[in-house]
Protein backbone atom coordinates (compact mmCIF):
# COMPACT_ATOMS: atom_id res chain seq x y z
CA MET A 1 37.37 22.80 13.04
CA GLY A 2 41.11 22.62 12.82
CA GLY A 3 40.86 24.35 9.61
CA HIS A 4 39.49 22.35 7.59
CA ARG A 5 36.24 21.84 5.38
CA PRO A 6 34.32 19.32 3.72
CA GLU A 7 35.12 19.80 -0.54
CA ILE A 8 32.23 19.99 -2.32
CA ARG A 9 33.59 19.97 -5.66
CA VAL A 10 36.86 20.19 -7.71
CA ARG A 11 36.79 23.35 -10.16
CA ILE A 12 40.07 23.75 -12.32
CA ASP A 13 40.23 26.74 -14.98
CA ARG A 14 41.59 27.22 -18.09
CA GLY A 15 45.38 27.15 -17.03
CA GLY A 16 44.61 24.28 -14.96
CA TRP A 17 43.46 21.95 -17.91
CA LEU A 18 46.23 23.59 -20.39
CA LEU A 19 48.95 22.70 -17.56
CA PHE A 20 46.91 19.12 -17.30
CA PHE A 21 47.41 18.58 -21.00
CA ALA A 22 51.20 19.49 -21.04
CA HIS A 23 52.27 17.32 -18.34
CA GLY A 24 49.99 14.24 -20.61
CA LEU A 25 52.41 15.43 -23.24
CA SER A 26 55.48 15.58 -20.56
CA GLY A 27 54.25 12.16 -19.32
CA LEU A 28 54.58 10.51 -23.04
CA GLY A 29 57.95 12.17 -23.57
CA ALA A 30 59.49 10.92 -20.02
CA GLY A 31 58.09 7.25 -20.60
CA PRO A 32 61.62 5.93 -22.13
CA PHE A 33 63.68 7.63 -18.95
CA ILE A 34 61.39 6.17 -16.54
CA ALA A 35 61.81 2.65 -18.01
CA PHE A 36 65.15 2.50 -19.59
CA GLY A 37 67.18 5.43 -18.68
CA VAL A 38 68.88 3.24 -16.16
CA ILE A 39 69.23 0.24 -18.58
CA TYR A 40 70.21 2.54 -20.92
CA GLN A 41 73.01 4.14 -19.40
CA ARG A 42 73.87 0.44 -18.51
CA GLU A 43 73.88 -0.73 -22.05
CA LEU A 44 76.65 2.12 -22.35
CA GLY A 45 78.69 0.85 -20.07
CA ALA A 46 78.02 2.65 -16.62
CA SER A 47 78.15 0.55 -13.09
CA ALA A 48 75.28 0.60 -10.39
CA PHE A 49 77.69 2.91 -8.59
CA GLU A 50 77.98 5.25 -11.41
CA ILE A 51 73.91 5.30 -12.52
CA GLY A 52 73.70 6.67 -8.38
CA VAL A 53 75.90 9.10 -8.90
CA LEU A 54 74.51 10.61 -12.13
CA ALA A 55 71.08 10.56 -10.10
CA ALA A 56 72.84 12.40 -7.27
CA ILE A 57 74.47 15.32 -9.02
CA GLY A 58 70.87 15.51 -11.21
CA MET A 59 68.92 15.91 -8.14
CA LEU A 60 71.53 18.41 -6.31
CA VAL A 61 71.06 20.16 -9.48
CA ALA A 62 67.90 19.73 -9.11
CA THR A 63 68.13 21.00 -5.95
CA LEU A 64 69.71 24.26 -6.16
CA VAL A 65 67.90 25.63 -8.66
CA MET A 66 64.85 25.69 -6.44
CA LEU A 67 66.24 28.95 -4.67
CA PRO A 68 65.89 31.03 -7.92
CA GLY A 69 62.67 29.21 -8.79
CA THR A 70 61.33 30.28 -5.70
CA GLY A 71 62.17 34.19 -5.83
CA LEU A 72 60.89 33.94 -9.65
CA ALA A 73 57.18 32.36 -8.14
CA GLU A 74 57.46 35.21 -5.49
CA ARG A 75 58.29 38.63 -8.02
CA ARG A 76 57.96 37.49 -11.72
CA ASP A 77 55.26 36.94 -14.03
CA LEU A 78 54.18 32.84 -13.25
CA ARG A 79 53.61 32.09 -16.82
CA LYS A 80 56.79 32.99 -18.13
CA THR A 81 58.49 31.02 -15.25
CA VAL A 82 56.25 27.92 -15.95
CA ILE A 83 56.70 28.17 -19.99
CA ALA A 84 60.56 28.21 -19.54
CA GLY A 85 60.96 25.72 -17.45
CA TRP A 86 58.86 23.60 -20.13
CA ALA A 87 61.22 24.78 -22.83
CA LEU A 88 64.74 24.19 -21.34
CA ALA A 89 63.80 20.58 -20.86
CA VAL A 90 63.67 19.50 -24.57
CA PRO A 91 67.42 19.32 -25.42
CA ALA A 92 67.57 16.36 -22.42
CA PRO A 93 65.99 13.60 -24.96
CA PHE A 94 68.14 14.49 -27.92
CA CYS A 95 71.12 14.29 -25.96
CA TYR A 96 70.51 11.04 -24.88
CA ALA A 97 69.34 10.00 -28.68
CA VAL A 98 72.90 10.41 -29.53
CA ALA A 99 74.77 9.58 -26.45
CA PRO A 100 77.84 7.54 -27.82
CA HIS A 101 78.91 7.15 -24.27
CA TRP A 102 77.32 6.82 -20.77
CA GLY A 103 78.32 10.04 -19.95
CA TRP A 104 76.89 12.31 -22.08
CA THR A 105 73.43 11.44 -20.51
CA ALA A 106 74.62 12.91 -18.21
CA LEU A 107 73.92 16.66 -20.16
CA GLY A 108 70.68 15.22 -20.74
CA ILE A 109 70.02 14.89 -16.85
CA LEU A 110 71.29 18.45 -16.60
CA PHE A 111 68.95 20.17 -18.75
CA LEU A 112 66.00 17.93 -17.40
CA GLN A 113 66.99 18.90 -13.67
CA VAL A 114 66.97 22.34 -14.67
CA SER A 115 63.89 22.36 -15.91
CA VAL A 116 62.08 22.16 -12.80
CA PHE A 117 63.17 25.50 -11.59
CA ASN A 118 59.71 26.39 -12.14
CA THR A 119 57.83 24.28 -9.57
CA PRO A 120 57.42 26.30 -7.03
CA ALA A 121 55.52 28.44 -9.59
CA ILE A 122 53.62 25.76 -10.70
CA SER A 123 52.69 25.28 -7.35
CA VAL A 124 51.45 28.68 -6.64
CA TYR A 125 49.91 29.05 -10.34
CA LEU A 126 47.84 26.35 -9.35
CA SER A 127 46.35 27.15 -5.71
CA LEU A 128 46.03 30.84 -6.83
CA GLY A 129 41.60 31.24 -6.50
CA VAL A 130 41.91 27.51 -5.11
CA PRO A 131 39.87 27.00 -1.53
CA ARG A 132 42.70 25.23 0.81
CA ASP A 133 40.77 22.62 1.47
CA ARG A 134 40.82 21.92 -2.95
CA ILE A 135 44.60 22.28 -3.43
CA ALA A 136 45.14 18.65 -3.03
CA ALA A 137 42.44 17.47 -5.00
CA VAL A 138 43.68 20.36 -7.91
CA MET A 139 47.21 19.47 -8.14
CA THR A 140 46.15 15.57 -7.94
CA THR A 141 43.73 15.72 -10.80
CA VAL A 142 46.58 18.00 -12.71
CA PHE A 143 49.45 16.15 -12.25
CA SER A 144 47.98 12.87 -12.60
CA ALA A 145 48.17 13.37 -16.54
CA TYR A 146 51.86 12.82 -16.45
CA SER A 147 50.63 9.42 -15.00
CA LEU A 148 48.30 8.91 -17.67
CA GLY A 149 50.80 10.00 -20.55
CA LEU A 150 53.67 7.73 -18.89
CA ILE A 151 50.78 4.45 -18.86
CA ALA A 152 50.67 4.94 -22.77
CA SER A 153 54.21 5.87 -23.62
CA SER A 154 55.73 2.85 -21.42
CA VAL A 155 53.75 0.05 -22.94
CA LEU A 156 54.79 1.56 -26.27
CA SER A 157 58.63 2.35 -25.25
CA GLY A 158 58.83 -1.53 -23.95
CA TRP A 159 56.86 -2.27 -27.30
CA LEU A 160 59.26 -0.41 -29.44
CA ALA A 161 62.20 -1.66 -27.44
CA GLN A 162 61.72 -5.08 -28.73
CA VAL A 163 62.59 -4.12 -32.56
CA VAL A 164 64.75 -0.97 -32.02
CA PRO A 165 67.95 0.71 -30.50
CA LEU A 166 66.79 2.14 -27.28
CA SER A 167 68.15 4.98 -28.58
CA ALA A 168 65.35 6.02 -30.82
CA LEU A 169 63.20 5.96 -28.37
CA PHE A 170 64.68 9.02 -27.11
CA TRP A 171 64.05 11.00 -30.22
CA MET A 172 60.26 9.66 -29.49
CA SER A 173 60.58 11.35 -26.30
CA PHE A 174 61.93 14.35 -27.90
CA ALA A 175 58.55 15.30 -30.16
CA PHE A 176 56.86 14.27 -27.02
CA PHE A 177 58.81 17.39 -25.11
CA VAL A 178 58.51 19.89 -27.97
CA LEU A 179 54.34 19.30 -28.52
CA ALA A 180 54.42 20.11 -24.51
CA THR A 181 56.34 22.85 -24.97
CA VAL A 182 54.19 24.37 -27.58
CA CYS A 183 50.81 23.42 -25.59
CA ILE A 184 52.10 25.19 -22.51
CA ALA A 185 53.12 28.30 -24.20
CA PHE A 186 49.32 28.91 -24.79
CA LEU A 187 48.83 29.37 -20.87
CA PRO A 188 47.24 31.99 -19.69
CA ALA A 189 48.59 35.07 -16.80
CA LYS A 190 47.55 34.92 -13.53
CA ALA A 191 47.94 38.02 -11.53
CA THR A 192 50.16 37.05 -8.41
CA PRO A 193 48.36 38.55 -5.47
CA ARG A 194 50.20 41.32 -3.09
CA PHE A 195 49.93 41.37 0.25
CA THR A 196 50.34 44.24 2.87
CA VAL A 197 53.39 41.99 4.87
CA PRO A 198 56.68 42.27 3.01
CA SER A 199 58.37 39.08 1.75
CA ILE A 200 58.71 36.12 4.16
CA ARG A 201 62.21 34.97 4.82
CA TYR A 202 63.15 31.27 4.78
CA ARG A 203 64.17 30.92 8.39
CA ASP A 204 60.66 32.30 9.05
CA LEU A 205 58.96 29.63 7.96
CA MET A 206 60.02 27.94 10.97
CA ARG A 207 58.18 29.76 13.51
CA PHE A 208 54.87 27.84 12.02
CA PRO A 209 54.76 24.49 14.26
CA ALA A 210 52.79 22.72 11.74
CA TYR A 211 55.01 23.38 8.65
CA ARG A 212 58.18 22.97 10.56
CA VAL A 213 56.68 19.14 11.52
CA MET A 214 55.26 18.28 8.29
CA LEU A 215 58.69 19.51 6.50
CA SER A 216 60.66 17.38 8.63
CA LEU A 217 58.31 14.35 8.32
CA PHE A 218 57.65 14.57 4.51
CA THR A 219 61.51 15.20 4.01
CA ILE A 220 62.10 11.96 5.87
CA VAL A 221 58.85 9.84 3.77
CA THR A 222 61.01 11.76 0.61
CA ALA A 223 64.36 10.25 1.21
CA ILE A 224 62.70 6.52 2.07
CA ILE A 225 60.91 6.48 -1.55
CA PHE A 226 64.08 7.49 -3.11
CA ILE A 227 66.45 4.82 -2.11
CA PRO A 228 64.71 2.57 -4.13
CA TRP A 229 63.37 4.33 -6.64
CA THR A 230 66.57 4.53 -9.52
CA PHE A 231 66.76 0.86 -9.67
CA THR A 232 63.37 -0.09 -9.30
CA ALA A 233 63.40 -1.19 -13.86
CA LEU A 234 66.71 -2.69 -13.39
CA TYR A 235 65.20 -5.16 -10.44
CA ALA A 236 62.66 -6.40 -12.32
CA ARG A 237 65.41 -6.87 -15.40
CA GLU A 238 68.12 -8.46 -13.21
CA ALA A 239 66.32 -10.13 -10.50
CA ALA A 240 62.96 -11.01 -12.28
CA HIS A 241 64.69 -11.41 -15.84
CA VAL A 242 61.63 -9.52 -17.30
CA ASP A 243 62.26 -8.26 -20.77
CA ASN A 244 61.94 -5.31 -22.10
CA PHE A 245 58.31 -5.42 -23.05
CA TRP A 246 57.50 -6.44 -19.74
CA ILE A 247 59.39 -3.57 -18.25
CA GLY A 248 57.35 -1.42 -20.23
CA VAL A 249 54.25 -2.87 -18.67
CA LEU A 250 54.92 -3.16 -15.35
CA MET A 251 56.01 0.65 -15.24
CA SER A 252 52.97 1.26 -17.60
CA VAL A 253 50.81 -0.49 -14.54
CA LEU A 254 52.93 1.71 -11.97
CA TYR A 255 51.54 4.54 -13.22
CA LEU A 256 48.38 3.60 -13.33
CA GLY A 257 48.49 2.88 -9.58
CA SER A 258 49.40 6.27 -9.15
CA VAL A 259 46.33 7.58 -11.14
CA ILE A 260 43.79 5.26 -9.86
CA MET A 261 45.34 5.32 -6.42
CA GLY A 262 46.14 9.26 -6.43
CA LEU A 263 42.62 10.13 -7.44
CA SER A 264 40.85 8.04 -5.53
CA LEU A 265 42.14 9.04 -1.97
CA GLY A 266 42.23 12.17 -3.03
CA ARG A 267 38.38 12.04 -3.08
CA LEU A 268 38.31 10.25 0.53
CA ARG A 269 40.39 12.83 1.91
CA ARG A 270 37.10 15.02 1.64
CA THR A 271 35.71 12.61 4.34
CA LEU A 272 39.02 11.01 5.98
CA GLY A 273 41.00 13.95 6.24
CA SER A 274 45.11 14.03 5.73
CA VAL A 275 46.23 11.92 8.44
CA VAL A 276 44.49 8.74 7.42
CA ILE A 277 45.33 9.72 3.58
CA VAL A 278 49.11 9.95 4.25
CA LEU A 279 48.78 6.24 6.15
CA CYS A 280 47.19 5.51 3.13
CA PHE A 281 50.19 6.03 0.97
CA GLU A 282 52.78 4.91 3.25
CA ALA A 283 51.16 1.33 3.81
CA ALA A 284 50.91 0.80 -0.02
CA TYR A 285 54.71 1.44 -0.25
CA VAL A 286 55.10 -1.16 2.51
CA VAL A 287 53.29 -3.61 0.77
CA SER A 288 54.32 -3.37 -2.61
CA ALA A 289 57.87 -4.09 -1.44
CA ILE A 290 57.02 -6.87 0.53
CA LEU A 291 55.24 -8.16 -2.81
CA LEU A 292 58.14 -7.32 -4.86
CA LEU A 293 60.49 -9.60 -2.46
CA SER A 294 58.35 -12.35 -2.18
CA SER A 295 57.91 -13.34 -5.45
CA MET A 296 59.25 -13.00 -9.05
CA ALA A 297 56.14 -13.75 -10.76
CA LEU A 298 54.92 -11.21 -13.18
CA PRO A 299 51.12 -11.21 -11.28
CA ILE A 300 52.93 -10.23 -8.31
CA LEU A 301 55.22 -7.94 -9.94
CA GLY A 302 52.38 -6.03 -11.56
CA LEU A 303 50.34 -5.79 -7.97
CA ALA A 304 53.85 -4.15 -6.72
CA PHE A 305 54.73 -2.24 -9.05
CA PHE A 306 50.70 -0.98 -9.11
CA LEU A 307 50.85 -0.14 -5.26
CA ARG A 308 54.38 1.41 -5.79
CA GLY A 309 52.91 3.98 -8.24
CA ALA A 310 51.53 5.61 -5.21
CA PHE A 311 54.81 7.49 -4.76
CA TRP A 312 53.93 10.16 -7.72
CA SER A 313 50.36 10.97 -6.25
CA PHE A 314 51.94 11.13 -2.72
CA ARG A 315 54.08 13.90 -3.91
CA GLN A 316 51.60 16.01 -4.79
CA VAL A 317 49.49 15.07 -1.60
CA MET A 318 52.64 16.14 0.08
CA THR A 319 53.39 19.39 -1.54
CA ALA A 320 49.23 20.27 -1.20
CA VAL A 321 49.63 19.62 2.69
CA ILE A 322 52.65 21.81 2.99
CA GLY A 323 50.60 24.56 1.39
CA GLU A 324 47.91 23.96 3.76
CA VAL A 325 49.42 24.94 6.45
CA LEU A 326 50.70 28.27 5.73
CA PRO A 327 49.28 31.73 5.06
CA ASP A 328 49.11 32.68 1.23
CA TYR A 329 52.05 35.03 1.94
CA ALA A 330 54.05 32.44 3.23
CA MET A 331 53.02 29.62 -0.01
CA ALA A 332 55.84 30.62 -2.59
CA LYS A 333 58.88 30.39 0.07
CA GLY A 334 57.07 27.04 2.34
CA TYR A 335 56.61 25.37 -1.63
CA GLY A 336 60.34 26.51 -2.54
CA LEU A 337 62.04 25.24 0.95
CA PHE A 338 60.02 22.03 0.51
CA ALA A 339 61.42 21.16 -2.90
CA LEU A 340 65.19 22.61 -1.82
CA VAL A 341 64.98 20.68 1.55
CA THR A 342 63.70 17.35 0.05
CA GLY A 343 65.94 17.47 -2.99
CA ALA A 344 68.81 17.64 -1.13
CA VAL A 345 67.90 14.21 0.61
CA VAL A 346 67.12 12.69 -2.49
CA ILE A 347 70.67 13.72 -3.83
CA VAL A 348 72.14 11.66 -0.36
CA ALA A 349 69.75 8.63 -0.98
CA TYR A 350 70.85 7.78 -4.37
CA PRO A 351 74.52 7.20 -4.66
CA ILE A 352 73.67 5.11 -0.86
CA ALA A 353 71.13 3.36 -2.91
CA GLY A 354 73.71 2.32 -5.32
CA MET A 355 76.01 1.29 -3.08
CA MET A 356 73.05 -1.22 -1.81
CA TYR A 357 72.22 -2.26 -5.36
CA GLY A 358 75.93 -2.71 -5.74
CA LEU A 359 75.87 -5.40 -2.32
CA GLN A 360 72.67 -6.82 -2.97
CA VAL A 361 70.39 -5.75 -5.35
CA SER A 362 67.33 -6.30 -2.99
CA MET A 363 68.55 -4.32 -0.15
CA PRO A 364 67.38 -0.54 -1.31
CA PHE A 365 64.04 -2.77 -1.44
CA TRP A 366 63.56 -4.33 2.18
CA SER A 367 65.22 -1.67 3.88
CA SER A 368 63.31 1.23 2.68
CA ALA A 369 60.22 -1.15 3.50
CA LEU A 370 61.19 -1.19 7.04
CA LEU A 371 61.92 2.54 7.32
CA MET A 372 58.87 3.44 5.81
CA ALA A 373 56.86 0.99 8.63
CA ILE A 374 58.73 3.38 11.24
CA ALA A 375 57.59 6.83 9.29
CA MET A 376 54.06 5.37 9.84
CA LEU A 377 54.31 5.53 13.43
CA ILE A 378 56.07 8.58 12.96
CA THR A 379 52.71 10.00 11.17
CA VAL A 380 50.73 8.68 13.88
CA TRP A 381 52.15 10.32 16.86
CA VAL A 382 52.23 13.96 14.86
CA ARG A 383 48.79 13.40 13.23
CA ALA A 384 47.55 16.43 15.44
CA TYR A 385 50.08 19.14 13.60
CA PHE A 386 47.69 18.15 10.11
CA HIS A 387 45.13 19.85 11.77
CA ALA A 388 46.66 23.06 11.86
CA ASN A 389 44.38 26.01 11.67
CA TYR A 390 45.60 27.90 8.47
CA LEU A 391 42.78 30.16 8.38
CA LYS A 392 44.19 31.49 11.11
CA PRO A 393 48.15 31.54 11.10
CA PRO A 394 50.03 32.16 14.13
CA GLN A 395 51.26 35.76 14.07
CA VAL A 396 54.73 36.20 12.70
CA GLU A 397 56.92 39.05 13.25
CA ILE A 398 58.65 39.37 10.08
CA ALA A 399 61.39 42.10 9.89
CA PRO A 400 61.86 43.84 6.51
CA ASP A 401 64.72 42.50 4.73
CA ASP A 402 65.88 44.82 1.72
CA ALA A 403 68.20 42.21 0.70
CA LEU A 404 65.98 39.68 -0.46
CA PRO A 405 62.99 40.20 -3.15
CA ARG A 406 59.46 41.17 -2.10
CA ALA A 407 56.39 39.41 -3.03
CA ALA A 408 55.05 40.12 -6.30
């Protein structure tokens, strides 16, 4: 009823497991960026506003590359596109490791953000051959490897930061990024299905009411999440006076929360549905902000970071719901437009967060919690659109457009 069928078992093919291990290795390499990237930039002389601007520029690049990335997901070899993205990320930690000034980190951010052009291709690759009601479970399982890698990497980074310069952490990151690229090089090819309809245009996606509503809701939620995100570790350092080792532990707890909450809520989705699961993720975010602002004690901070970790899995759930409300031929464009629009709002959120943090270190956190509470009310209001019958999508008249690439 409403297009949703109960999930029985999650089956992941060989390509999915290789993506799982590659994401795990990438998570091991990303630990220094997540836990100490902002702190490292601060040590190199960057102000809070400059850190926010750098993050915004990086997000601008990551957003713009979704345009060619979506085209590649439609008409090119998915395997080559996925591998190319991993290879482009390899120079990023090297730029950080040799940086004599915070400006050098901008080049690392550039490589790191350009590499995400393969995001639509990864989403399409994982969706091929998977029933719609299992896409969320497959995505949360595969991407949970990234969080598992970050758990180990954050603790290791925190311990190493006590005895070595922060620049040494990025040499470790460089090694893991190389290993991830080697792993993904063995990814098997998947044939992209051919459709009898022409390639859909971005504006045609708006003719699907459920997609239009889900895109709007998740764009708002993404902007709210990213307002305080860049400054989470820095807040623990400057407001709670947590040392490097415990920052690593806190970030590890954050990704542990991502794995546990993401997989458990993904399983509950089979019986409770997407609306309840989205509300649970949003509620966890609000509670985490309340805890973060209520006490500087490590146990309370640990619980707050654990709940905040739901963000990583939430992104995959949002992506899966976007795919569920579209027919097969529109999936690549749907994933691409979602990444493009949400990336655009993050560009705006980053510098705003930098200015907020400069005015008051707690401002990004309490303001985003208030906005997320409002987003929960909006989610309840539009709950009917989560149950769009994707098995019988609305008829969309698509005029041929020779100027755009057709679906492969």
